[in-house]
Amino acid sequence: MSLAHAIQGFLSYGPMTGYDLKKRFDESVRNFWPATQSQIYRTLKDMAAAGLVSVEVVPQSDLPDRKVYQLTEAGLADLRAWLSAPESGPGGRSAWLIQVFFAHHLSDAELLALLEQHEARMAAALAHLSGEVQGHVNSEWAQEGTDRMRLLWQLTLDNGTTHLAAELAWTRDAIERLRKSPK
């Protein structure tokens, strides 16, 4: 998947500015597909050059002109083709697991600190998804789209919380096992 496909998905809801897109990313899919403002604007520029989006410049008196992007027919066709293609399969890169794999170079105290930091990050991320993001799905986004769309949004959120809960449980187990391991 590329960032362009995620942008196409959001633009299929309607025209948006780059700022609007960043807000939608942060409120909905950041847990599995984060994007920075600069990445979004760079990708929008490339998409416009490829004819996947059109851009309307809206003049503003006291602020810079707004650029409103809209998905073109070619962009929608590209999105539909990507949506119907089989995924590439499991197995992605994990810098975190590479750190753990080679952590024998750390002292016990350093390794436990590394794991405890990871535990705190996972707990915070899980709390964020279960709280703020679930709140967006329940309230702000509840009025948008169709029942089917809201179900799919909830399913992706459930996937995120399930994965984070599993990662948190694994991390806690790893901490406990390391504390009990022979020195």
Protein backbone atom coordinates (compact mmCIF):
# COMPACT_ATOMS: atom_id res chain seq x y z
CA MET A 1 0.00 0.00 0.00
CA SER A 2 1.12 3.48 -0.66
CA LEU A 3 0.13 6.68 1.05
CA ALA A 4 -1.60 7.65 -2.20
CA HIS A 5 -4.13 4.84 -1.75
CA ALA A 6 -5.01 6.00 1.74
CA ILE A 7 -5.40 9.57 0.46
CA GLN A 8 -7.58 8.30 -2.38
CA GLY A 9 -9.74 6.50 0.17
CA PHE A 10 -10.27 9.67 2.20
CA LEU A 11 -10.90 11.78 -0.90
CA SER A 12 -13.56 9.27 -1.97
CA TYR A 13 -15.62 10.76 0.89
CA GLY A 14 -15.38 14.19 -0.69
CA PRO A 15 -12.99 17.08 -1.46
CA MET A 16 -10.46 17.97 1.25
CA THR A 17 -7.44 20.14 1.86
CA GLY A 18 -4.12 18.68 2.94
CA TYR A 19 -4.89 19.89 6.45
CA ASP A 20 -8.26 18.09 6.38
CA LEU A 21 -6.53 14.91 5.25
CA LYS A 22 -3.97 15.08 8.06
CA LYS A 23 -6.78 15.49 10.58
CA ARG A 24 -8.65 12.48 9.15
CA PHE A 25 -5.48 10.34 9.29
CA ASP A 26 -4.89 11.30 12.91
CA GLU A 27 -8.49 10.67 13.96
CA SER A 28 -8.90 7.32 12.27
CA VAL A 29 -6.04 5.31 10.77
CA ARG A 30 -2.93 6.67 12.50
CA ASN A 31 -2.64 3.47 14.55
CA PHE A 32 -1.85 1.46 11.43
CA TRP A 33 -1.02 4.04 8.76
CA PRO A 34 0.48 7.26 10.10
CA ALA A 35 1.34 10.13 7.79
CA THR A 36 3.05 13.45 8.32
CA GLN A 37 1.76 16.70 6.87
CA SER A 38 4.77 16.95 4.55
CA GLN A 39 4.25 13.39 3.27
CA ILE A 40 0.61 14.15 2.54
CA TYR A 41 1.37 17.36 0.62
CA ARG A 42 4.21 15.74 -1.34
CA THR A 43 1.96 12.81 -2.27
CA LEU A 44 -0.91 15.11 -3.25
CA LYS A 45 1.44 16.99 -5.58
CA ASP A 46 2.52 13.71 -7.22
CA MET A 47 -1.09 12.51 -7.45
CA ALA A 48 -2.15 15.75 -9.12
CA ALA A 49 0.68 15.40 -11.66
CA ALA A 50 -0.48 11.82 -12.36
CA GLY A 51 -4.10 12.93 -12.83
CA LEU A 52 -5.38 10.98 -9.80
CA VAL A 53 -6.64 14.14 -8.08
CA SER A 54 -7.66 17.58 -9.22
CA VAL A 55 -6.87 20.69 -7.22
CA GLU A 56 -8.91 23.86 -6.86
CA VAL A 57 -7.18 26.92 -5.48
CA VAL A 58 -9.55 28.88 -3.24
CA PRO A 59 -8.38 32.43 -2.55
CA GLN A 60 -8.55 33.68 1.05
CA SER A 61 -8.15 37.31 2.03
CA ASP A 62 -6.07 37.13 5.22
CA LEU A 63 -4.58 33.67 4.79
CA PRO A 64 -2.69 31.80 2.07
CA ASP A 65 -4.87 30.36 -0.68
CA ARG A 66 -6.43 26.97 0.15
CA LYS A 67 -5.86 24.02 -2.13
CA VAL A 68 -8.86 21.71 -2.18
CA TYR A 69 -8.20 18.27 -3.65
CA GLN A 70 -10.79 16.05 -5.28
CA LEU A 71 -10.48 12.47 -6.48
CA THR A 72 -10.69 12.17 -10.28
CA GLU A 73 -12.28 9.27 -12.15
CA ALA A 74 -8.76 7.94 -12.78
CA GLY A 75 -8.03 8.21 -9.06
CA LEU A 76 -11.21 6.35 -8.16
CA ALA A 77 -10.39 3.63 -10.72
CA ASP A 78 -6.89 3.31 -9.26
CA LEU A 79 -8.33 3.05 -5.73
CA ARG A 80 -10.84 0.37 -6.78
CA ALA A 81 -8.10 -1.63 -8.56
CA TRP A 82 -5.92 -1.50 -5.45
CA LEU A 83 -8.83 -2.41 -3.14
CA SER A 84 -9.64 -5.52 -5.17
CA ALA A 85 -6.02 -6.72 -5.48
CA PRO A 86 -4.76 -9.38 -3.07
CA GLU A 87 -2.57 -8.14 -0.26
CA SER A 88 1.15 -8.77 -0.38
CA GLY A 89 1.06 -11.05 2.67
CA PRO A 90 2.14 -10.97 6.29
CA GLY A 91 5.51 -10.05 7.56
CA GLY A 92 6.75 -6.55 7.74
CA ARG A 93 9.79 -4.94 9.19
CA SER A 94 9.94 -4.30 12.90
CA ALA A 95 12.83 -2.21 14.17
CA TRP A 96 11.60 -2.98 17.68
CA LEU A 97 12.04 -6.74 17.26
CA ILE A 98 15.50 -6.27 15.73
CA GLN A 99 16.42 -4.36 18.89
CA VAL A 100 15.14 -7.23 21.04
CA PHE A 101 16.86 -9.85 18.88
CA PHE A 102 20.27 -8.26 19.39
CA ALA A 103 19.68 -6.99 22.94
CA HIS A 104 22.17 -9.46 24.40
CA HIS A 105 24.60 -6.56 24.02
CA LEU A 106 22.70 -4.71 26.78
CA SER A 107 22.92 -5.19 30.52
CA ASP A 108 19.92 -6.71 32.29
CA ALA A 109 18.99 -3.28 33.64
CA GLU A 110 19.22 -1.69 30.17
CA LEU A 111 17.16 -4.46 28.60
CA LEU A 112 14.46 -4.25 31.26
CA ALA A 113 14.36 -0.47 30.84
CA LEU A 114 13.95 -0.91 27.09
CA LEU A 115 11.08 -3.36 27.59
CA GLU A 116 9.42 -1.21 30.23
CA GLN A 117 9.54 1.81 27.89
CA HIS A 118 7.94 -0.32 25.19
CA GLU A 119 5.30 -1.49 27.68
CA ALA A 120 4.47 2.14 28.54
CA ARG A 121 4.22 3.09 24.84
CA MET A 122 1.93 0.13 24.11
CA ALA A 123 -0.29 0.88 27.11
CA ALA A 124 -0.57 4.55 26.07
CA ALA A 125 -1.34 3.64 22.45
CA LEU A 126 -3.99 1.13 23.55
CA ALA A 127 -5.57 3.72 25.85
CA HIS A 128 -5.58 6.24 22.97
CA LEU A 129 -7.32 3.83 20.60
CA SER A 130 -9.80 2.62 23.19
CA GLY A 131 -10.56 6.17 24.32
CA GLU A 132 -10.07 9.03 21.87
CA VAL A 133 -10.22 7.11 18.59
CA GLN A 134 -13.18 4.99 19.73
CA GLY A 135 -14.86 8.24 20.72
CA HIS A 136 -14.42 9.59 17.18
CA VAL A 137 -15.96 6.43 15.74
CA ASN A 138 -18.84 6.55 18.23
CA SER A 139 -19.65 10.24 18.01
CA GLU A 140 -18.11 12.40 15.32
CA TRP A 141 -17.95 9.73 12.65
CA ALA A 142 -21.23 8.07 13.64
CA GLN A 143 -23.14 10.59 11.54
CA GLU A 144 -20.95 10.11 8.45
CA GLY A 145 -21.09 7.48 5.77
CA THR A 146 -23.18 4.36 5.70
CA ASP A 147 -23.70 1.64 8.28
CA ARG A 148 -21.32 -0.52 6.26
CA MET A 149 -18.62 2.16 6.28
CA ARG A 150 -18.95 2.63 10.06
CA LEU A 151 -18.72 -1.15 10.54
CA LEU A 152 -15.50 -1.25 8.50
CA TRP A 153 -14.06 1.68 10.48
CA GLN A 154 -14.89 -0.16 13.72
CA LEU A 155 -13.33 -3.39 12.40
CA THR A 156 -10.04 -1.61 11.66
CA LEU A 157 -10.09 -0.03 15.11
CA ASP A 158 -10.78 -3.45 16.67
CA ASN A 159 -7.81 -4.84 14.74
CA GLY A 160 -5.60 -2.12 16.18
CA THR A 161 -6.74 -2.64 19.75
CA THR A 162 -6.38 -6.41 19.43
CA HIS A 163 -2.82 -6.11 18.10
CA LEU A 164 -1.83 -3.56 20.74
CA ALA A 165 -3.33 -5.67 23.52
CA ALA A 166 -1.40 -8.70 22.25
CA GLU A 167 1.84 -6.67 21.99
CA LEU A 168 1.29 -5.33 25.50
CA ALA A 169 0.67 -8.85 26.85
CA TRP A 170 3.79 -10.15 25.04
CA THR A 171 5.89 -7.30 26.45
CA ARG A 172 4.67 -7.91 29.99
CA ASP A 173 5.42 -11.62 29.61
CA ALA A 174 8.90 -10.85 28.26
CA ILE A 175 9.60 -8.57 31.23
CA GLU A 176 8.48 -11.24 33.67
CA ARG A 177 10.51 -13.96 31.95
CA LEU A 178 13.63 -11.81 31.90
CA ARG A 179 13.25 -10.99 35.58
CA LYS A 180 13.08 -14.73 36.36
CA SER A 181 15.88 -15.78 33.99
CA PRO A 182 19.20 -16.93 35.43
CA LYS A 183 21.81 -14.21 35.51
